[in-house]
N, C-alpha and C. Protein backbone atom coordinates (compact mmCIF):
# COMPACT_ATOMS: atom_id res chain seq x y z
N MET A 1 1.57 -0.46 -15.66
CA MET A 1 0.34 -0.06 -14.99
C MET A 1 0.50 -0.25 -13.48
N ARG A 2 -0.22 0.56 -12.75
CA ARG A 2 -0.17 0.42 -11.29
C ARG A 2 -1.58 0.62 -10.71
N LEU A 3 -1.86 -0.11 -9.64
CA LEU A 3 -3.13 -0.01 -8.95
C LEU A 3 -2.88 0.72 -7.65
N ASP A 4 -3.51 1.87 -7.47
CA ASP A 4 -3.32 2.68 -6.27
C ASP A 4 -4.66 3.08 -5.68
N ASP A 5 -4.64 3.45 -4.40
CA ASP A 5 -5.81 4.01 -3.74
C ASP A 5 -5.75 5.53 -3.88
N TYR A 6 -6.90 6.13 -4.11
CA TYR A 6 -7.00 7.58 -4.26
C TYR A 6 -8.14 8.10 -3.40
N ARG A 7 -8.03 9.37 -3.01
CA ARG A 7 -9.10 10.06 -2.28
C ARG A 7 -9.48 11.29 -3.09
N CYS A 8 -10.77 11.45 -3.29
CA CYS A 8 -11.28 12.60 -4.03
C CYS A 8 -11.34 13.80 -3.10
N LEU A 9 -10.75 14.90 -3.51
CA LEU A 9 -10.77 16.12 -2.71
C LEU A 9 -12.11 16.84 -2.79
N GLN A 10 -12.91 16.50 -3.80
CA GLN A 10 -14.21 17.12 -4.00
C GLN A 10 -15.28 16.49 -3.10
N CYS A 11 -15.41 15.15 -3.16
CA CYS A 11 -16.50 14.49 -2.42
C CYS A 11 -16.00 13.60 -1.28
N GLY A 12 -14.69 13.35 -1.20
CA GLY A 12 -14.12 12.57 -0.11
C GLY A 12 -14.09 11.07 -0.31
N ARG A 13 -14.60 10.57 -1.42
CA ARG A 13 -14.64 9.14 -1.67
C ARG A 13 -13.22 8.59 -1.83
N ILE A 14 -12.99 7.40 -1.29
CA ILE A 14 -11.73 6.69 -1.48
C ILE A 14 -12.00 5.56 -2.46
N PHE A 15 -11.14 5.44 -3.48
CA PHE A 15 -11.36 4.46 -4.53
C PHE A 15 -10.02 3.97 -5.06
N GLU A 16 -10.05 2.86 -5.79
CA GLU A 16 -8.87 2.32 -6.44
C GLU A 16 -8.91 2.67 -7.92
N ALA A 17 -7.73 2.89 -8.49
CA ALA A 17 -7.66 3.16 -9.93
C ALA A 17 -6.42 2.48 -10.49
N LEU A 18 -6.59 1.86 -11.65
CA LEU A 18 -5.49 1.24 -12.37
C LEU A 18 -5.06 2.22 -13.44
N LEU A 19 -3.88 2.79 -13.26
CA LEU A 19 -3.41 3.85 -14.16
C LEU A 19 -2.14 3.45 -14.88
N GLU A 20 -1.91 4.06 -15.99
CA GLU A 20 -0.73 3.81 -16.80
C GLU A 20 0.07 5.09 -16.92
N GLY A 21 1.37 5.01 -16.66
CA GLY A 21 2.26 6.14 -16.83
C GLY A 21 1.86 7.36 -16.02
N SER A 22 1.65 8.48 -16.71
CA SER A 22 1.33 9.73 -16.03
C SER A 22 -0.17 10.05 -16.04
N ASP A 23 -1.02 9.03 -16.28
CA ASP A 23 -2.47 9.23 -16.24
C ASP A 23 -2.91 9.74 -14.87
N LYS A 24 -3.95 10.52 -14.84
CA LYS A 24 -4.50 11.06 -13.60
C LYS A 24 -5.79 10.33 -13.25
N ALA A 25 -6.00 10.11 -11.96
CA ALA A 25 -7.22 9.42 -11.50
C ALA A 25 -8.39 10.39 -11.44
N SER A 26 -9.54 9.95 -11.89
CA SER A 26 -10.78 10.71 -11.78
C SER A 26 -11.72 9.96 -10.86
N CYS A 27 -12.44 10.69 -10.02
CA CYS A 27 -13.35 10.09 -9.07
C CYS A 27 -14.52 9.42 -9.80
N PRO A 28 -14.82 8.16 -9.46
CA PRO A 28 -15.95 7.48 -10.11
C PRO A 28 -17.31 8.01 -9.65
N SER A 29 -17.35 8.71 -8.51
CA SER A 29 -18.63 9.24 -8.02
C SER A 29 -18.99 10.59 -8.62
N CYS A 30 -18.03 11.53 -8.58
CA CYS A 30 -18.35 12.89 -9.02
C CYS A 30 -17.57 13.33 -10.25
N ALA A 31 -16.71 12.45 -10.76
CA ALA A 31 -15.90 12.70 -11.95
C ALA A 31 -14.85 13.80 -11.78
N SER A 32 -14.59 14.21 -10.57
CA SER A 32 -13.57 15.23 -10.31
C SER A 32 -12.18 14.67 -10.57
N ALA A 33 -11.31 15.51 -11.10
CA ALA A 33 -9.92 15.13 -11.31
C ALA A 33 -9.05 15.58 -10.13
N GLN A 34 -9.67 16.18 -9.12
CA GLN A 34 -8.95 16.64 -7.94
C GLN A 34 -8.83 15.47 -6.95
N THR A 35 -7.83 14.62 -7.19
CA THR A 35 -7.63 13.44 -6.38
C THR A 35 -6.19 13.38 -5.88
N VAL A 36 -6.00 12.69 -4.77
CA VAL A 36 -4.65 12.48 -4.25
C VAL A 36 -4.47 10.99 -3.97
N ARG A 37 -3.25 10.53 -4.20
CA ARG A 37 -2.95 9.12 -3.95
C ARG A 37 -2.81 8.90 -2.45
N GLU A 38 -3.38 7.81 -1.98
CA GLU A 38 -3.35 7.45 -0.56
C GLU A 38 -2.46 6.22 -0.38
N LEU A 39 -1.94 6.04 0.82
CA LEU A 39 -1.24 4.81 1.15
C LEU A 39 -2.27 3.75 1.47
N SER A 40 -2.15 2.60 0.83
CA SER A 40 -3.09 1.52 1.12
C SER A 40 -2.54 0.64 2.23
N ALA A 41 -3.42 -0.06 2.92
CA ALA A 41 -2.99 -0.96 3.98
C ALA A 41 -2.08 -2.04 3.43
N PHE A 42 -2.34 -2.49 2.21
CA PHE A 42 -1.51 -3.51 1.58
C PHE A 42 -0.09 -3.03 1.42
N LYS A 43 0.11 -1.79 1.02
CA LYS A 43 1.44 -1.26 0.76
C LYS A 43 2.23 -0.98 2.03
N ILE A 44 1.56 -0.78 3.15
CA ILE A 44 2.28 -0.50 4.38
C ILE A 44 2.28 -1.69 5.33
N GLY A 45 1.95 -2.85 4.82
CA GLY A 45 2.05 -4.05 5.63
C GLY A 45 0.73 -4.67 6.02
N GLY A 46 -0.36 -4.06 5.69
CA GLY A 46 -1.67 -4.63 5.97
C GLY A 46 -2.17 -4.33 7.36
N ALA A 47 -3.46 -4.23 7.49
CA ALA A 47 -4.08 -3.95 8.78
C ALA A 47 -3.88 -5.09 9.75
N SER A 48 -3.67 -6.32 9.26
CA SER A 48 -3.52 -7.47 10.14
C SER A 48 -2.28 -7.35 11.03
N ARG A 49 -1.28 -6.62 10.59
CA ARG A 49 -0.09 -6.41 11.42
C ARG A 49 -0.46 -5.68 12.69
N GLU A 50 -1.34 -4.71 12.58
CA GLU A 50 -1.70 -3.92 13.75
C GLU A 50 -2.84 -4.55 14.53
N LEU A 51 -3.79 -5.16 13.83
CA LEU A 51 -4.96 -5.70 14.50
C LEU A 51 -4.74 -7.07 15.10
N GLY A 52 -3.87 -7.88 14.50
CA GLY A 52 -3.71 -9.24 14.97
C GLY A 52 -2.31 -9.57 15.43
N GLY A 53 -1.45 -8.59 15.58
CA GLY A 53 -0.07 -8.85 15.96
C GLY A 53 0.11 -8.93 17.46
N CYS A 54 1.35 -8.92 17.90
CA CYS A 54 1.67 -9.03 19.32
C CYS A 54 1.01 -7.94 20.16
N ALA A 55 0.89 -6.75 19.60
CA ALA A 55 0.34 -5.63 20.37
C ALA A 55 -1.09 -5.90 20.83
N SER A 56 -1.84 -6.68 20.06
CA SER A 56 -3.22 -6.96 20.44
C SER A 56 -3.37 -8.34 21.06
N GLY A 57 -2.25 -9.01 21.32
CA GLY A 57 -2.30 -10.33 21.92
C GLY A 57 -2.53 -11.44 20.93
N GLY A 58 -2.54 -11.14 19.63
CA GLY A 58 -2.82 -12.15 18.63
C GLY A 58 -1.61 -12.91 18.13
N CYS A 59 -0.44 -12.63 18.68
CA CYS A 59 0.78 -13.26 18.21
C CYS A 59 1.27 -14.27 19.25
N ASP A 60 1.60 -15.46 18.80
CA ASP A 60 2.06 -16.51 19.71
C ASP A 60 3.58 -16.57 19.81
N SER A 61 4.27 -15.69 19.13
CA SER A 61 5.73 -15.83 19.06
C SER A 61 6.47 -14.67 19.69
N ARG A 62 6.15 -14.37 20.93
CA ARG A 62 6.89 -13.32 21.64
C ARG A 62 8.24 -13.87 22.09
N ASP A 63 9.25 -13.00 22.04
CA ASP A 63 10.56 -13.42 22.51
C ASP A 63 10.68 -13.18 24.01
N SER A 64 11.83 -13.47 24.60
CA SER A 64 12.01 -13.36 26.04
C SER A 64 11.88 -11.92 26.56
N ASP A 65 12.05 -10.94 25.68
CA ASP A 65 11.91 -9.53 26.07
C ASP A 65 10.48 -9.02 25.90
N GLY A 66 9.57 -9.86 25.43
CA GLY A 66 8.19 -9.44 25.22
C GLY A 66 7.93 -8.89 23.84
N GLY A 67 8.96 -8.84 22.99
CA GLY A 67 8.79 -8.36 21.62
C GLY A 67 8.32 -9.48 20.71
N CYS A 68 8.13 -9.16 19.47
CA CYS A 68 7.67 -10.14 18.49
C CYS A 68 8.87 -10.91 17.95
N ALA A 69 8.90 -12.20 18.18
CA ALA A 69 10.02 -13.03 17.75
C ALA A 69 10.09 -13.19 16.24
N ASN A 70 8.95 -13.15 15.57
CA ASN A 70 8.98 -13.36 14.11
C ASN A 70 9.09 -12.07 13.33
N GLY A 71 9.06 -10.92 14.00
CA GLY A 71 9.25 -9.63 13.33
C GLY A 71 8.08 -9.16 12.51
N MET A 72 6.92 -9.78 12.65
CA MET A 72 5.78 -9.45 11.81
C MET A 72 4.91 -8.32 12.33
N CYS A 73 5.00 -8.02 13.62
CA CYS A 73 4.07 -7.00 14.13
C CYS A 73 4.77 -5.74 14.61
N GLY A 74 6.05 -5.65 14.51
CA GLY A 74 6.75 -4.42 14.83
C GLY A 74 7.11 -4.22 16.28
N LEU A 75 6.87 -5.20 17.14
CA LEU A 75 7.26 -5.07 18.55
C LEU A 75 8.67 -5.57 18.75
């Protein structure tokens, strides 16, 4: 089983669905089967990397070149 984020092409709602194998996600709002899988923030490293990392001044571990010394924020 896998838990993924989906967007309904009919009504635009974004929702999570726990699916097994080749099951298709249906929108919980309008019951449409016209859905697409979305990348979740969790799967791409989380919003905290962008919102609280070196780029926003939230990182205390900059190296001598001004980049992120711990490699967590992508600088």
